[in-house]
Amino acid sequence: MIKAPASLQDLRRRLYVKAKAELSWRFWGLYVHVCKRETLWEAYRLAKENNGAPGIDGVTFEAIEAVGVEQFLKQLREELVHYTYRPLRLRKADIPKEGGVRTLSIPAIRDRVVQGALKLILEPIFEADFQPGSFGYRPKKSAHDAIRRVSGAILEGKTYVIDLDLRSYFDTVRHSIVLDKVAGRVDDDRVMHLLKLVLKASGKRGVPQGGVISPLLSNIYLNEIDKMLERAKEVTRYKRRAGIEYARFADDLVVLVDGHRRKRWLRGAVEKRLREEFAKLCVEVNEDKSRAVDLTQRGSFGFLGFEFRRVRTRSGRWMPLRMPQGKKRAALLRKLKVVFRRFRSQPLKGLIDEINPILRGWVNYFAYGHSSRCFSFIRNHVEKKIRRHLAKARMRQGFGWKRWSRRWLYDELGLFDDYRVRYLNNSSTAALT
């Protein structure tokens, strides 16, 4: 759970325990907790910690703190208490993504605080309902946990992979459906009205990509898919081994089916049930990007930036191979290329200060795979770029292999050098699946 003030943290813990103990219980009297000063303060702290651009009103965190955070939250609380709060329109911003652009809907800071307060109260209730195969934007769960689960399934012989891509998922969420799902656990008209206002600010349908509460709502929306897959696991279980396994991170979902010939009937059955459940939610499957892969036929699939294959070890045992996808490496090189061009005539220290966080974030994410060959390529590429920068600054040719030692680049200049690979533990992988 998110670390919060003691009383708020205790409230969240009690909500979670109650929701976990009574799966049909509907919570009432929640709105007063959303409006509490300490809840709004914690929501503001989390919003500031995530930083982000200002909304359509142009108000920044610096402007709020110049006037006074206490005054800002007091006014916001009065609007909530007197039911006069109305969210502002969302500011649209396009960011590049593979094959095009993604449009983010950025709420104003005041609206981020309100969404954060709602999330702080609603999250522990629905966290009790979420399934173990859901990993996206949940407390104490990460993309690496999902990767570990998929690796464990491959180790167990689940080699037929159903990879379904959802078309514009966040933009197609039906408000009526998500409100009905929330109402199944929340018996508080004021909370429901506030949530409806937040949803309507993004249009007639969809949840804003960039909204604080959007990840929680997206998990609530797809929770029935997870429940269906959990039931399928139990139905197909033989002794301690289930016939299928799955992992979902937000709208990225892979289902792995046992490769034994007796389980082949599951392949079509599972995909059919998935499509039926998605149809109930009015979620469209992107047929161009969806596919089924048989790892026993040297197939591969991508999940959360990694490319998965099944290979034999030197001892003859099968193991899952996890490598960074080629398109992820290409995207990193493009990003670095822009930075190198921007700092072409600038001091080297500024260039290194700019690229180090980029390299650190990318390497730390992919360090939990079989990435040594990819890391060697990235390291050599960056080192050569740095050497060319140094040579051009001195109007020299070449890369200065004799003039500047490798250790000097990393120890004296401070260039990022932590390209260690941290492999997932196979025994813990099996235990988590």
Protein backbone atom coordinates (compact mmCIF):
# COMPACT_ATOMS: atom_id res chain seq x y z
CA MET A 1 0.00 0.00 0.00
CA ILE A 2 0.99 3.65 -0.48
CA LYS A 3 2.72 5.08 2.57
CA ALA A 4 0.40 7.66 4.14
CA PRO A 5 -0.17 9.41 7.49
CA ALA A 6 -0.88 6.96 10.31
CA SER A 7 -4.63 7.58 10.60
CA LEU A 8 -5.15 7.49 6.81
CA GLN A 9 -3.01 4.39 6.52
CA ASP A 10 -5.01 2.74 9.31
CA LEU A 11 -8.28 3.62 7.52
CA ARG A 12 -7.00 2.12 4.27
CA ARG A 13 -5.90 -1.02 6.09
CA ARG A 14 -9.32 -1.40 7.75
CA LEU A 15 -11.10 -0.90 4.41
CA TYR A 16 -8.92 -3.56 2.81
CA VAL A 17 -9.46 -6.08 5.64
CA LYS A 18 -13.22 -5.54 5.57
CA ALA A 19 -13.37 -5.85 1.77
CA LYS A 20 -11.27 -9.00 1.84
CA ALA A 21 -13.35 -10.61 4.59
CA GLU A 22 -16.76 -9.80 3.05
CA LEU A 23 -16.62 -9.93 -0.73
CA SER A 24 -20.19 -8.72 -1.18
CA TRP A 25 -20.03 -5.84 1.32
CA ARG A 26 -20.94 -2.39 -0.03
CA PHE A 27 -19.16 0.49 1.69
CA TRP A 28 -20.98 3.63 2.73
CA GLY A 29 -19.89 6.89 4.37
CA LEU A 30 -16.75 7.16 2.22
CA TYR A 31 -17.22 10.71 0.96
CA VAL A 32 -16.37 12.25 4.31
CA HIS A 33 -12.99 10.52 4.18
CA VAL A 34 -12.34 11.78 0.64
CA CYS A 35 -12.89 15.35 1.89
CA LYS A 36 -10.69 15.06 4.96
CA ARG A 37 -7.76 17.46 5.18
CA GLU A 38 -5.22 14.69 5.66
CA THR A 39 -6.50 12.80 2.59
CA LEU A 40 -6.23 15.89 0.41
CA TRP A 41 -2.77 16.66 1.81
CA GLU A 42 -1.56 13.15 0.98
CA ALA A 43 -3.12 13.34 -2.50
CA TYR A 44 -1.32 16.67 -3.08
CA ARG A 45 1.99 15.21 -1.87
CA LEU A 46 1.69 12.26 -4.24
CA ALA A 47 0.71 14.53 -7.15
CA LYS A 48 3.73 16.74 -6.53
CA GLU A 49 5.99 13.69 -6.19
CA ASN A 50 4.90 12.57 -9.66
CA ASN A 51 5.35 16.14 -10.89
CA GLY A 52 3.95 16.42 -14.40
CA ALA A 53 2.90 19.32 -16.60
CA PRO A 54 0.17 21.79 -15.57
CA GLY A 55 -3.39 21.35 -16.77
CA ILE A 56 -5.51 23.57 -18.98
CA ASP A 57 -5.49 26.37 -16.38
CA GLY A 58 -1.68 26.61 -16.52
CA VAL A 59 -1.35 26.48 -12.71
CA THR A 60 1.93 24.88 -11.58
CA PHE A 61 3.02 23.49 -8.21
CA GLU A 62 5.31 26.49 -7.81
CA ALA A 63 2.37 28.88 -8.27
CA ILE A 64 0.29 26.95 -5.72
CA GLU A 65 3.07 26.98 -3.13
CA ALA A 66 3.73 30.68 -3.71
CA VAL A 67 0.16 31.40 -2.59
CA GLY A 68 0.09 28.61 0.01
CA VAL A 69 -0.78 24.92 -0.17
CA GLU A 70 -2.98 25.18 2.92
CA GLN A 71 -5.14 27.84 1.28
CA PHE A 72 -5.30 25.85 -1.97
CA LEU A 73 -6.47 22.68 -0.20
CA LYS A 74 -8.88 24.59 2.03
CA GLN A 75 -10.66 26.05 -0.99
CA LEU A 76 -10.72 22.65 -2.70
CA ARG A 77 -12.16 21.03 0.43
CA GLU A 78 -14.90 23.66 0.69
CA GLU A 79 -15.92 22.97 -2.92
CA LEU A 80 -16.13 19.25 -2.17
CA VAL A 81 -18.03 19.69 1.10
CA HIS A 82 -20.57 22.10 -0.44
CA TYR A 83 -20.88 20.04 -3.65
CA THR A 84 -19.75 22.93 -5.88
CA TYR A 85 -16.63 21.19 -7.19
CA ARG A 86 -16.50 20.83 -10.97
CA PRO A 87 -13.44 19.42 -12.74
CA LEU A 88 -11.83 21.49 -15.48
CA ARG A 89 -11.46 20.32 -19.05
CA LEU A 90 -8.45 18.13 -19.74
CA ARG A 91 -5.42 19.45 -21.61
CA LYS A 92 -4.47 17.26 -24.56
CA ALA A 93 -0.82 16.50 -25.23
CA ASP A 94 0.66 14.15 -27.82
CA ILE A 95 3.67 12.03 -26.97
CA PRO A 96 5.50 9.76 -29.44
CA LYS A 97 4.98 6.01 -29.31
CA GLU A 98 5.83 3.09 -31.54
CA GLY A 99 4.08 3.57 -34.86
CA GLY A 100 2.51 6.93 -34.08
CA VAL A 101 1.55 9.16 -31.19
CA ARG A 102 -0.35 8.70 -27.95
CA THR A 103 -2.68 11.44 -26.77
CA LEU A 104 -2.49 12.13 -23.06
CA SER A 105 -5.32 13.91 -21.23
CA ILE A 106 -3.73 15.97 -18.48
CA PRO A 107 -5.99 17.14 -15.61
CA ALA A 108 -5.34 20.37 -13.75
CA ILE A 109 -3.45 19.96 -10.47
CA ARG A 110 -6.61 20.65 -8.45
CA ASP A 111 -8.34 17.80 -10.28
CA ARG A 112 -5.33 15.52 -9.81
CA VAL A 113 -5.59 16.11 -6.07
CA VAL A 114 -9.30 15.22 -6.04
CA GLN A 115 -8.69 12.10 -8.14
CA GLY A 116 -5.83 11.17 -5.82
CA ALA A 117 -8.08 11.54 -2.77
CA LEU A 118 -10.70 9.33 -4.41
CA LYS A 119 -8.06 6.75 -5.26
CA LEU A 120 -6.67 6.71 -1.70
CA ILE A 121 -10.10 5.74 -0.36
CA LEU A 122 -11.29 3.42 -3.15
CA GLU A 123 -8.03 1.60 -3.87
CA PRO A 124 -7.91 -0.64 -0.76
CA ILE A 125 -11.52 -1.72 -1.34
CA PHE A 126 -10.94 -2.91 -4.89
CA GLU A 127 -7.41 -4.13 -4.21
CA ALA A 128 -9.07 -6.85 -2.13
CA ASP A 129 -11.02 -7.97 -5.23
CA PHE A 130 -8.17 -7.97 -7.74
CA GLN A 131 -6.70 -11.26 -8.89
CA PRO A 132 -3.10 -12.48 -8.51
CA GLY A 133 -2.48 -12.33 -12.28
CA SER A 134 -3.06 -8.57 -12.46
CA PHE A 135 0.13 -6.52 -12.03
CA GLY A 136 -0.44 -3.09 -13.57
CA TYR A 137 -0.35 -0.03 -11.29
CA ARG A 138 -0.98 -1.98 -8.10
CA PRO A 139 0.75 -1.55 -4.73
CA LYS A 140 3.77 -3.84 -4.26
CA LYS A 141 3.43 -5.25 -7.80
CA SER A 142 5.58 -4.46 -10.80
CA ALA A 143 6.21 -5.34 -14.43
CA HIS A 144 9.08 -7.57 -13.29
CA ASP A 145 6.61 -9.60 -11.21
CA ALA A 146 4.53 -10.17 -14.35
CA ILE A 147 7.65 -11.18 -16.29
CA ARG A 148 8.57 -13.62 -13.52
CA ARG A 149 5.08 -15.17 -13.70
CA VAL A 150 5.29 -15.63 -17.47
CA SER A 151 8.78 -17.15 -17.19
CA GLY A 152 7.54 -19.58 -14.56
CA ALA A 153 4.66 -20.67 -16.79
CA ILE A 154 7.05 -21.40 -19.66
CA LEU A 155 9.22 -23.45 -17.30
CA GLU A 156 6.14 -25.52 -16.41
CA GLY A 157 5.55 -26.39 -20.07
CA LYS A 158 2.88 -23.80 -20.95
CA THR A 159 4.20 -23.16 -24.42
CA TYR A 160 1.13 -22.07 -26.40
CA VAL A 161 0.73 -18.29 -26.00
CA ILE A 162 -2.38 -16.25 -26.74
CA ASP A 163 -1.40 -12.59 -27.07
CA LEU A 164 -4.47 -10.37 -27.48
CA ASP A 165 -3.98 -6.65 -28.13
CA LEU A 166 -6.82 -4.29 -27.18
CA ARG A 167 -7.57 -1.45 -29.59
CA SER A 168 -7.51 2.01 -27.92
CA TYR A 169 -8.55 0.46 -24.63
CA PHE A 170 -8.39 3.55 -22.40
CA ASP A 171 -10.39 5.57 -24.96
CA THR A 172 -13.21 3.02 -25.23
CA VAL A 173 -14.05 2.32 -21.56
CA ARG A 174 -17.82 2.69 -21.13
CA HIS A 175 -18.68 4.99 -18.22
CA SER A 176 -21.91 3.16 -17.41
CA ILE A 177 -20.10 -0.17 -17.10
CA VAL A 178 -17.28 1.10 -14.89
CA LEU A 179 -19.74 3.01 -12.68
CA ASP A 180 -21.83 -0.14 -12.25
CA LYS A 181 -18.73 -2.08 -11.25
CA VAL A 182 -17.74 0.56 -8.69
CA ALA A 183 -21.32 0.68 -7.36
CA GLY A 184 -21.09 -3.06 -6.70
CA ARG A 185 -18.76 -2.19 -3.81
CA VAL A 186 -19.63 1.44 -3.01
CA ASP A 187 -22.99 2.47 -1.55
CA ASP A 188 -22.29 6.20 -1.37
CA ASP A 189 -24.17 8.50 -3.77
CA ARG A 190 -21.78 11.40 -3.20
CA VAL A 191 -18.72 9.32 -4.10
CA MET A 192 -20.49 7.98 -7.17
CA HIS A 193 -21.48 11.50 -8.24
CA LEU A 194 -17.91 12.74 -7.81
CA LEU A 195 -16.55 9.81 -9.80
CA LYS A 196 -19.10 10.49 -12.55
CA LEU A 197 -17.94 14.12 -12.73
CA VAL A 198 -14.34 12.95 -13.10
CA LEU A 199 -15.27 10.56 -15.91
CA LYS A 200 -17.43 13.07 -17.78
CA ALA A 201 -14.54 15.54 -17.87
CA SER A 202 -12.83 13.15 -20.32
CA GLY A 203 -15.81 12.98 -22.69
CA LYS A 204 -18.68 10.58 -23.29
CA ARG A 205 -16.50 7.50 -22.96
CA GLY A 206 -12.98 6.50 -21.98
CA VAL A 207 -10.75 7.25 -19.02
CA PRO A 208 -8.01 9.86 -19.41
CA GLN A 209 -4.49 8.55 -19.98
CA GLY A 210 -2.72 10.80 -17.53
CA GLY A 211 -5.47 10.81 -14.91
CA VAL A 212 -4.52 9.75 -11.38
CA ILE A 213 -7.47 7.44 -10.92
CA SER A 214 -7.47 6.01 -14.47
CA PRO A 215 -5.18 3.00 -13.72
CA LEU A 216 -7.44 1.92 -10.84
CA LEU A 217 -10.56 2.23 -13.00
CA SER A 218 -8.94 0.29 -15.83
CA ASN A 219 -8.13 -2.57 -13.44
CA ILE A 220 -11.69 -2.53 -12.08
CA TYR A 221 -13.00 -2.65 -15.65
CA LEU A 222 -10.95 -5.71 -16.62
CA ASN A 223 -11.22 -7.55 -13.30
CA GLU A 224 -13.94 -9.84 -14.69
CA ILE A 225 -11.47 -11.05 -17.33
CA ASP A 226 -9.03 -11.96 -14.56
CA LYS A 227 -11.74 -13.75 -12.58
CA MET A 228 -12.72 -15.77 -15.63
CA LEU A 229 -9.09 -16.82 -16.15
CA GLU A 230 -8.74 -17.76 -12.47
CA ARG A 231 -11.81 -19.98 -12.77
CA ALA A 232 -10.34 -21.53 -15.91
CA LYS A 233 -7.14 -22.28 -14.01
CA GLU A 234 -9.07 -24.16 -11.34
CA VAL A 235 -11.22 -26.07 -13.83
CA THR A 236 -8.17 -27.20 -15.82
CA ARG A 237 -6.01 -27.98 -12.79
CA TYR A 238 -4.66 -31.52 -12.50
CA LYS A 239 -3.12 -32.15 -9.09
CA ARG A 240 -0.95 -29.04 -8.50
CA ARG A 241 -0.60 -28.06 -12.14
CA ALA A 242 -3.11 -25.81 -13.91
CA GLY A 243 -3.71 -26.05 -17.65
CA ILE A 244 -3.30 -22.31 -18.21
CA GLU A 245 -1.53 -19.30 -16.74
CA TYR A 246 -1.96 -15.61 -17.46
CA ALA A 247 -0.43 -12.24 -16.69
CA ARG A 248 -2.02 -8.84 -17.24
CA PHE A 249 -0.40 -5.44 -16.91
CA ALA A 250 -3.12 -2.81 -17.51
CA ASP A 251 -4.32 -3.63 -21.05
CA ASP A 252 -1.39 -5.92 -21.92
CA LEU A 253 -2.54 -9.53 -21.51
CA VAL A 254 -0.90 -12.87 -22.34
CA VAL A 255 -2.39 -16.29 -21.66
CA LEU A 256 -0.16 -19.38 -21.70
CA VAL A 257 -1.70 -22.80 -22.30
CA ASP A 258 -0.16 -26.18 -21.45
CA GLY A 259 1.64 -27.55 -24.51
CA HIS A 260 0.68 -31.20 -23.82
CA ARG A 261 -1.41 -32.75 -26.58
CA ARG A 262 -4.21 -33.56 -24.11
CA LYS A 263 -4.57 -29.83 -23.42
CA ARG A 264 -4.82 -28.73 -27.04
CA TRP A 265 -8.57 -28.32 -26.77
CA LEU A 266 -7.91 -25.49 -24.33
CA ARG A 267 -6.31 -23.30 -27.00
CA GLY A 268 -9.48 -22.53 -28.90
CA ALA A 269 -11.69 -22.67 -25.81
CA VAL A 270 -9.69 -20.08 -23.86
CA GLU A 271 -9.46 -17.66 -26.78
CA LYS A 272 -13.19 -17.99 -27.44
CA ARG A 273 -14.06 -17.23 -23.80
CA LEU A 274 -11.68 -14.26 -23.77
CA ARG A 275 -13.32 -12.76 -26.83
CA GLU A 276 -16.77 -13.29 -25.32
CA GLU A 277 -15.77 -11.46 -22.12
CA PHE A 278 -14.19 -8.59 -24.04
CA ALA A 279 -17.36 -8.29 -26.13
CA LYS A 280 -19.44 -7.92 -22.94
CA LEU A 281 -17.21 -5.01 -21.94
CA CYS A 282 -17.43 -3.49 -25.44
CA VAL A 283 -13.65 -3.77 -25.76
CA GLU A 284 -12.39 -4.33 -29.30
CA VAL A 285 -9.55 -6.76 -30.02
CA ASN A 286 -6.93 -5.46 -32.44
CA GLU A 287 -6.66 -8.37 -34.85
CA ASP A 288 -3.59 -6.94 -36.61
CA LYS A 289 -1.50 -7.07 -33.43
CA SER A 290 -3.09 -10.10 -31.75
CA ARG A 291 -1.62 -13.54 -32.38
CA ALA A 292 -1.12 -17.04 -31.06
CA VAL A 293 2.41 -18.43 -30.77
CA ASP A 294 3.67 -21.96 -30.25
CA LEU A 295 7.02 -21.78 -28.47
CA THR A 296 7.78 -25.41 -29.33
CA GLN A 297 7.91 -24.34 -33.00
CA ARG A 298 10.63 -21.75 -32.31
CA GLY A 299 8.04 -19.02 -31.97
CA SER A 300 8.47 -15.89 -29.86
CA PHE A 301 6.25 -13.22 -28.39
CA GLY A 302 6.67 -9.80 -26.83
CA PHE A 303 5.42 -8.77 -23.41
CA LEU A 304 6.23 -5.57 -21.50
CA GLY A 305 9.23 -4.79 -23.69
CA PHE A 306 10.79 -8.26 -23.49
CA GLU A 307 10.92 -10.86 -26.24
CA PHE A 308 10.27 -14.38 -24.91
CA ARG A 309 11.55 -17.58 -26.48
CA ARG A 310 12.07 -21.15 -25.28
CA VAL A 311 15.62 -22.49 -25.66
CA ARG A 312 17.70 -25.38 -24.39
CA THR A 313 20.44 -24.86 -21.87
CA ARG A 314 23.85 -26.50 -22.21
CA SER A 315 22.63 -29.24 -19.89
CA GLY A 316 19.75 -29.99 -22.25
CA ARG A 317 16.91 -28.49 -20.16
CA TRP A 318 14.33 -26.07 -21.57
CA MET A 319 14.34 -22.51 -20.23
CA PRO A 320 12.62 -19.20 -21.05
CA LEU A 321 14.87 -16.68 -22.80
CA ARG A 322 14.01 -13.03 -22.09
CA MET A 323 15.69 -10.38 -24.21
CA PRO A 324 14.93 -6.69 -24.77
CA GLN A 325 12.82 -6.33 -27.91
CA GLY A 326 14.65 -4.90 -30.89
CA LYS A 327 12.19 -2.03 -31.17
CA LYS A 328 12.90 -1.04 -27.56
CA ARG A 329 16.63 -0.88 -28.26
CA ALA A 330 15.98 1.11 -31.43
CA ALA A 331 13.78 3.56 -29.51
CA LEU A 332 16.57 4.06 -26.94
CA LEU A 333 19.13 4.74 -29.67
CA ARG A 334 16.81 7.29 -31.31
CA LYS A 335 16.34 9.05 -27.99
CA LEU A 336 20.09 9.15 -27.37
CA LYS A 337 20.69 10.41 -30.90
CA VAL A 338 18.50 13.44 -30.26
CA VAL A 339 20.42 14.23 -27.06
CA PHE A 340 23.83 13.86 -28.73
CA ARG A 341 22.75 16.21 -31.52
CA ARG A 342 21.44 18.77 -29.07
CA PHE A 343 24.73 18.78 -27.15
CA ARG A 344 26.96 18.70 -30.25
CA SER A 345 28.76 21.95 -29.35
CA GLN A 346 28.10 21.86 -25.62
CA PRO A 347 30.36 20.87 -22.69
CA LEU A 348 30.68 17.13 -22.14
CA LYS A 349 29.52 17.28 -18.51
CA GLY A 350 26.07 18.53 -19.53
CA LEU A 351 25.80 15.76 -22.12
CA ILE A 352 26.69 13.05 -19.61
CA ASP A 353 24.30 14.49 -17.03
CA GLU A 354 21.56 14.27 -19.67
CA ILE A 355 22.15 10.72 -20.92
CA ASN A 356 23.00 9.03 -17.60
CA PRO A 357 19.39 9.02 -16.25
CA ILE A 358 18.13 7.73 -19.61
CA LEU A 359 20.63 4.87 -19.62
CA ARG A 360 20.10 4.09 -15.93
CA GLY A 361 16.32 3.79 -16.28
CA TRP A 362 16.49 1.66 -19.44
CA VAL A 363 19.21 -0.68 -18.15
CA ASN A 364 17.64 -1.12 -14.70
CA TYR A 365 14.37 -2.21 -16.32
CA PHE A 366 15.92 -4.71 -18.75
CA ALA A 367 18.55 -5.96 -16.27
CA TYR A 368 16.12 -8.77 -15.28
CA GLY A 369 16.52 -10.54 -18.58
CA HIS A 370 19.15 -12.20 -20.71
CA SER A 371 20.37 -8.81 -21.82
CA SER A 372 24.17 -9.01 -21.67
CA ARG A 373 24.63 -8.98 -25.46
CA CYS A 374 22.23 -6.05 -25.85
CA PHE A 375 23.89 -4.17 -22.98
CA SER A 376 27.33 -4.65 -24.57
CA PHE A 377 26.01 -3.15 -27.79
CA ILE A 378 24.49 -0.16 -25.97
CA ARG A 379 27.62 0.42 -23.89
CA ASN A 380 29.94 0.33 -26.91
CA HIS A 381 27.61 2.58 -28.90
CA VAL A 382 27.46 5.22 -26.15
CA GLU A 383 31.20 5.04 -25.51
CA LYS A 384 31.96 5.62 -29.18
CA LYS A 385 29.59 8.59 -29.25
CA ILE A 386 31.31 10.11 -26.21
CA ARG A 387 34.73 9.57 -27.77
CA ARG A 388 33.65 11.26 -31.00
CA HIS A 389 32.31 14.18 -28.97
CA LEU A 390 35.69 14.52 -27.24
CA ALA A 391 37.63 14.23 -30.51
CA LYS A 392 35.53 16.81 -32.35
CA ALA A 393 35.90 19.25 -29.46
CA ARG A 394 39.67 18.99 -30.01
CA MET A 395 39.34 18.98 -33.82
CA ARG A 396 40.78 15.47 -34.07
CA GLN A 397 39.82 12.42 -36.12
CA GLY A 398 38.97 8.96 -34.84
CA PHE A 399 37.79 7.84 -31.42
CA GLY A 400 40.90 8.42 -29.31
CA TRP A 401 41.27 4.81 -28.20
CA LYS A 402 44.84 5.45 -27.01
CA ARG A 403 44.32 9.00 -25.79
CA TRP A 404 41.36 8.28 -23.45
CA SER A 405 41.19 5.00 -21.57
CA ARG A 406 37.87 3.32 -20.88
CA ARG A 407 38.34 3.66 -17.13
CA TRP A 408 38.94 7.39 -17.48
CA LEU A 409 35.60 7.79 -19.26
CA TYR A 410 33.70 6.02 -16.51
CA ASP A 411 35.68 6.92 -13.39
CA GLU A 412 36.66 10.53 -14.13
CA LEU A 413 33.86 11.73 -16.40
CA GLY A 414 31.15 9.77 -14.54
CA LEU A 415 29.60 8.08 -17.57
CA PHE A 416 26.99 5.47 -16.57
CA ASP A 417 28.63 2.04 -16.25
CA ASP A 418 26.29 -0.26 -14.28
CA TYR A 419 25.36 -2.74 -17.02
CA ARG A 420 25.03 -5.70 -14.66
CA VAL A 421 22.46 -8.35 -15.53
CA ARG A 422 20.34 -9.59 -12.61
CA TYR A 423 18.71 -12.87 -13.59
CA LEU A 424 15.36 -13.94 -12.21
CA ASN A 425 15.53 -16.82 -9.76
CA ASN A 426 13.99 -19.91 -11.36
CA SER A 427 12.97 -21.47 -8.05
CA SER A 428 11.21 -18.32 -6.93
CA THR A 429 9.66 -18.08 -10.39
CA ALA A 430 8.05 -21.47 -10.03
CA ALA A 431 6.86 -20.64 -6.53
CA LEU A 432 5.06 -17.52 -7.72
CA THR A 433 3.12 -19.20 -10.49
